[in-house]
Amino acid sequence: MQVHIPDPAYTTSERARANFRLAFRIALGAVAVMWAVLLLDRMLALDLTRAGVRPREIAGLAGIALAPLLHGGFEHLVANSLPLIVLGTGMLYLYPGAALKVLPAVYAGPGVAVWLLGKSGTVHAGASGLVYGLFTYILVSGLIRLDRRAIAASLLVCFLYGTLVWGVLPIRPGTSWETHLAAALIGVVLAVAFRHCDIPPRKRYSWEEEEDAAEGNAGEDEPRT
């Protein structure tokens, strides 16, 4: 098994750097929206967390779209902010093609699962589903791809946020472990499904180019009929 090294001309190009900056700005902007929502909620005493996901309640369906934007307090949002920026930037930069499908899935998918299967009488809100979905996608992608960038990203998120795995277990009162578990499973499934997407150009060594040239010359020497 050979780990593929991305072409430095691709990974260090100005376009690649511009893509990274764009990915960071998008992730930062998404977190800024969540902060704006929380500040508005606190200033106007709106108690917006009531609009979160309420399992099997018609009124709770809106929470599928709204819950990731809502947080119960500053501590909750602070805990999600940095992981969202790091993981969101990594997802958008490393996997821009898959991100168009993965982000909507990990945004709304956990809410759908919780609405269908969650405990009745509870309200689920917060962006932790996004965190868990992105974390598992990046982690699993690095485990199943032969791409050095993917492997490096997987090791980094494992080092930074490896303790997130405990959040999928019902061991901490007041934590929506159902959302965490659903998002993590969605991330794993999508990482496997899109394992052939967003493959960067592979670095080619001089001996490979020489072999290709030799094969080309040999083909030209073959008699034509």
Protein backbone atom coordinates (compact mmCIF):
# COMPACT_ATOMS: atom_id res chain seq x y z
CA MET A 1 0.00 0.00 0.00
CA GLN A 2 1.46 3.30 -1.13
CA VAL A 3 0.40 6.62 0.35
CA HIS A 4 -0.14 9.20 -2.36
CA ILE A 5 1.71 12.48 -1.97
CA PRO A 6 -0.19 15.42 -3.50
CA ASP A 7 1.57 17.40 -6.20
CA PRO A 8 3.30 20.35 -4.48
CA ALA A 9 2.49 22.49 -7.50
CA TYR A 10 -1.18 21.96 -6.61
CA THR A 11 -1.07 22.20 -2.81
CA THR A 12 1.22 25.23 -2.64
CA SER A 13 -0.29 27.17 -5.53
CA GLU A 14 -1.86 30.58 -5.09
CA ARG A 15 -5.21 29.05 -5.98
CA ALA A 16 -4.88 26.52 -3.15
CA ARG A 17 -4.03 29.29 -0.69
CA ALA A 18 -7.00 31.33 -1.92
CA ASN A 19 -9.26 28.29 -1.46
CA PHE A 20 -8.03 27.90 2.11
CA ARG A 21 -8.73 31.54 2.89
CA LEU A 22 -12.20 31.24 1.39
CA ALA A 23 -12.93 28.09 3.39
CA PHE A 24 -11.83 29.83 6.59
CA ARG A 25 -13.99 32.87 5.88
CA ILE A 26 -17.06 30.74 5.21
CA ALA A 27 -16.57 28.74 8.42
CA LEU A 28 -15.95 31.90 10.41
CA GLY A 29 -19.02 33.55 8.88
CA ALA A 30 -21.23 30.60 9.83
CA VAL A 31 -20.06 30.81 13.44
CA ALA A 32 -20.58 34.59 13.40
CA VAL A 33 -24.22 34.03 12.41
CA MET A 34 -24.67 31.71 15.41
CA TRP A 35 -23.19 34.35 17.70
CA ALA A 36 -25.49 37.00 16.25
CA VAL A 37 -28.51 34.76 16.85
CA LEU A 38 -27.49 34.11 20.46
CA LEU A 39 -26.82 37.79 21.18
CA LEU A 40 -30.18 38.75 19.68
CA ASP A 41 -31.86 36.05 21.72
CA ARG A 42 -30.32 37.30 24.95
CA MET A 43 -30.90 41.01 24.30
CA LEU A 44 -34.57 40.53 23.41
CA ALA A 45 -35.23 37.61 25.82
CA LEU A 46 -36.73 35.56 22.99
CA ASP A 47 -35.85 32.11 24.38
CA LEU A 48 -35.22 30.84 20.86
CA THR A 49 -34.13 27.41 22.03
CA ARG A 50 -37.85 26.59 22.22
CA ALA A 51 -37.64 26.36 18.43
CA GLY A 52 -35.28 23.40 18.63
CA VAL A 53 -36.09 19.85 17.58
CA ARG A 54 -38.99 18.34 19.56
CA PRO A 55 -39.23 14.61 18.81
CA ARG A 56 -42.46 13.63 17.05
CA GLU A 57 -44.11 17.00 17.63
CA ILE A 58 -45.34 18.92 14.59
CA ALA A 59 -44.10 22.16 16.17
CA GLY A 60 -40.67 20.58 16.50
CA LEU A 61 -40.22 20.03 12.77
CA ALA A 62 -38.99 23.60 12.32
CA GLY A 63 -36.15 22.74 14.66
CA ILE A 64 -34.60 20.54 11.99
CA ALA A 65 -33.68 23.73 10.12
CA LEU A 66 -33.26 26.05 13.11
CA ALA A 67 -31.67 23.95 15.86
CA PRO A 68 -28.04 24.16 14.63
CA LEU A 69 -28.26 27.96 14.85
CA LEU A 70 -29.62 27.99 18.41
CA HIS A 71 -27.68 27.61 21.66
CA GLY A 72 -28.75 27.57 25.26
CA GLY A 73 -26.01 29.92 26.40
CA PHE A 74 -22.59 31.38 25.77
CA GLU A 75 -20.79 28.39 27.25
CA HIS A 76 -22.59 26.09 24.84
CA LEU A 77 -21.71 28.21 21.81
CA VAL A 78 -18.10 28.78 22.92
CA ALA A 79 -17.66 25.00 23.12
CA ASN A 80 -18.85 24.63 19.51
CA SER A 81 -17.27 27.70 17.93
CA LEU A 82 -13.61 26.73 17.57
CA PRO A 83 -14.32 23.13 16.48
CA LEU A 84 -16.74 24.46 13.86
CA ILE A 85 -14.15 26.87 12.49
CA VAL A 86 -11.40 24.23 12.41
CA LEU A 87 -13.51 21.38 11.06
CA GLY A 88 -15.51 23.58 8.71
CA THR A 89 -12.35 25.03 7.20
CA GLY A 90 -10.83 21.57 6.82
CA MET A 91 -13.96 20.18 5.19
CA LEU A 92 -14.38 23.03 2.72
CA TYR A 93 -10.69 23.16 1.83
CA LEU A 94 -9.86 19.46 1.56
CA TYR A 95 -13.20 18.17 0.26
CA PRO A 96 -14.92 21.04 -1.61
CA GLY A 97 -16.86 18.75 -3.94
CA ALA A 98 -18.19 16.46 -1.22
CA ALA A 99 -18.85 19.42 1.08
CA LEU A 100 -21.80 20.45 -1.11
CA LYS A 101 -23.51 17.21 -0.08
CA VAL A 102 -21.98 16.54 3.33
CA LEU A 103 -22.74 19.91 4.93
CA PRO A 104 -26.51 19.81 4.24
CA ALA A 105 -26.61 16.19 5.41
CA VAL A 106 -24.85 16.80 8.73
CA TYR A 107 -26.80 20.04 9.22
CA ALA A 108 -30.30 18.61 8.83
CA GLY A 109 -29.81 14.84 9.03
CA PRO A 110 -29.26 14.62 12.82
CA GLY A 111 -32.36 16.73 13.39
CA VAL A 112 -34.46 14.39 11.27
CA ALA A 113 -33.11 11.36 13.15
CA VAL A 114 -33.75 12.95 16.55
CA TRP A 115 -37.26 14.04 15.56
CA LEU A 116 -38.07 10.47 14.55
CA LEU A 117 -36.24 8.56 17.28
CA GLY A 118 -35.46 10.96 20.13
CA LYS A 119 -36.98 10.90 23.58
CA SER A 120 -40.37 12.57 23.75
CA GLY A 121 -40.73 15.75 25.77
CA THR A 122 -37.17 16.94 25.10
CA VAL A 123 -35.83 19.88 23.09
CA HIS A 124 -32.61 19.56 21.11
CA ALA A 125 -30.66 22.63 19.97
CA GLY A 126 -27.08 23.49 19.11
CA ALA A 127 -24.49 23.01 16.40
CA SER A 128 -22.87 19.96 17.94
CA GLY A 129 -24.41 17.81 15.21
CA LEU A 130 -22.37 19.74 12.67
CA VAL A 131 -19.27 19.28 14.80
CA TYR A 132 -19.73 15.52 15.10
CA GLY A 133 -20.63 15.04 11.45
CA LEU A 134 -17.60 16.97 10.19
CA PHE A 135 -15.31 15.34 12.74
CA THR A 136 -16.20 11.79 11.73
CA TYR A 137 -16.12 12.60 8.01
CA ILE A 138 -12.59 14.01 8.20
CA LEU A 139 -11.44 11.29 10.60
CA VAL A 140 -12.76 8.35 8.57
CA SER A 141 -11.65 9.87 5.25
CA GLY A 142 -8.08 9.84 6.51
CA LEU A 143 -8.41 6.19 7.53
CA ILE A 144 -9.69 4.91 4.19
CA ARG A 145 -7.92 7.17 1.67
CA LEU A 146 -4.34 6.83 0.44
CA ASP A 147 -3.92 10.59 0.41
CA ARG A 148 -1.29 12.08 2.71
CA ARG A 149 -3.30 15.27 3.21
CA ALA A 150 -6.38 13.31 4.27
CA ILE A 151 -4.31 11.21 6.65
CA ALA A 152 -2.67 14.28 8.17
CA ALA A 153 -6.07 15.97 8.64
CA SER A 154 -7.45 12.83 10.23
CA LEU A 155 -4.59 12.64 12.72
CA LEU A 156 -4.95 16.33 13.53
CA VAL A 157 -8.68 16.21 14.28
CA CYS A 158 -8.18 13.02 16.27
CA PHE A 159 -5.54 14.77 18.39
CA LEU A 160 -7.62 17.93 18.84
CA TYR A 161 -11.09 16.47 19.27
CA GLY A 162 -10.68 12.75 19.90
CA THR A 163 -12.55 13.03 23.19
CA LEU A 164 -15.72 13.81 21.22
CA VAL A 165 -16.30 10.06 20.95
CA TRP A 166 -17.64 10.07 24.52
CA GLY A 167 -20.40 12.45 23.46
CA VAL A 168 -22.24 9.72 21.53
CA LEU A 169 -22.96 7.90 24.79
CA PRO A 170 -25.78 8.82 27.21
CA ILE A 171 -23.41 9.58 30.06
CA ARG A 172 -23.75 13.35 30.45
CA PRO A 173 -27.13 14.73 31.57
CA GLY A 174 -28.47 17.58 29.47
CA THR A 175 -26.39 16.65 26.42
CA SER A 176 -28.11 15.60 23.20
CA TRP A 177 -26.18 12.39 22.71
CA GLU A 178 -28.80 11.30 20.16
CA THR A 179 -27.83 14.23 17.94
CA HIS A 180 -24.14 13.43 18.37
CA LEU A 181 -24.62 9.76 17.52
CA ALA A 182 -26.80 10.42 14.47
CA ALA A 183 -24.37 13.04 13.12
CA ALA A 184 -21.37 10.79 13.70
CA LEU A 185 -22.99 7.91 11.83
CA ILE A 186 -23.95 10.20 8.95
CA GLY A 187 -20.35 11.44 8.76
CA VAL A 188 -18.99 7.89 8.64
CA VAL A 189 -21.42 6.77 5.93
CA LEU A 190 -20.71 9.82 3.78
CA ALA A 191 -16.94 9.45 4.19
CA VAL A 192 -17.19 5.95 2.76
CA ALA A 193 -19.63 6.97 0.03
CA PHE A 194 -17.49 9.89 -1.16
CA ARG A 195 -14.07 8.28 -0.69
CA HIS A 196 -13.29 8.73 -4.39
CA CYS A 197 -14.20 12.43 -4.45
CA ASP A 198 -11.79 15.35 -4.15
CA ILE A 199 -8.63 13.37 -4.91
CA PRO A 200 -5.79 15.87 -5.38
CA PRO A 201 -3.29 15.46 -8.24
CA ARG A 202 -0.61 13.00 -7.19
CA LYS A 203 3.06 13.90 -7.17
CA ARG A 204 4.88 12.17 -10.01
CA TYR A 205 8.50 11.23 -9.63
CA SER A 206 11.10 11.47 -12.38
CA TRP A 207 11.39 7.71 -12.71
CA GLU A 208 7.62 7.44 -13.31
CA GLU A 209 7.84 10.02 -16.07
CA GLU A 210 10.79 8.15 -17.59
CA GLU A 211 8.82 4.91 -17.52
CA ASP A 212 5.85 6.57 -19.21
CA ALA A 213 8.13 8.04 -21.85
CA ALA A 214 9.74 4.65 -22.43
CA GLU A 215 6.34 2.97 -22.80
CA GLY A 216 5.29 5.68 -25.23
CA ASN A 217 8.40 5.17 -27.32
CA ALA A 218 7.89 1.42 -27.30
CA GLY A 219 4.36 1.87 -28.57
CA GLU A 220 5.56 4.03 -31.43
CA ASP A 221 8.06 1.35 -32.47
CA GLU A 222 5.40 -1.35 -32.74
CA PRO A 223 4.47 -2.22 -36.36
CA ARG A 224 1.14 -0.90 -37.51
CA THR A 225 -1.33 -3.01 -39.43
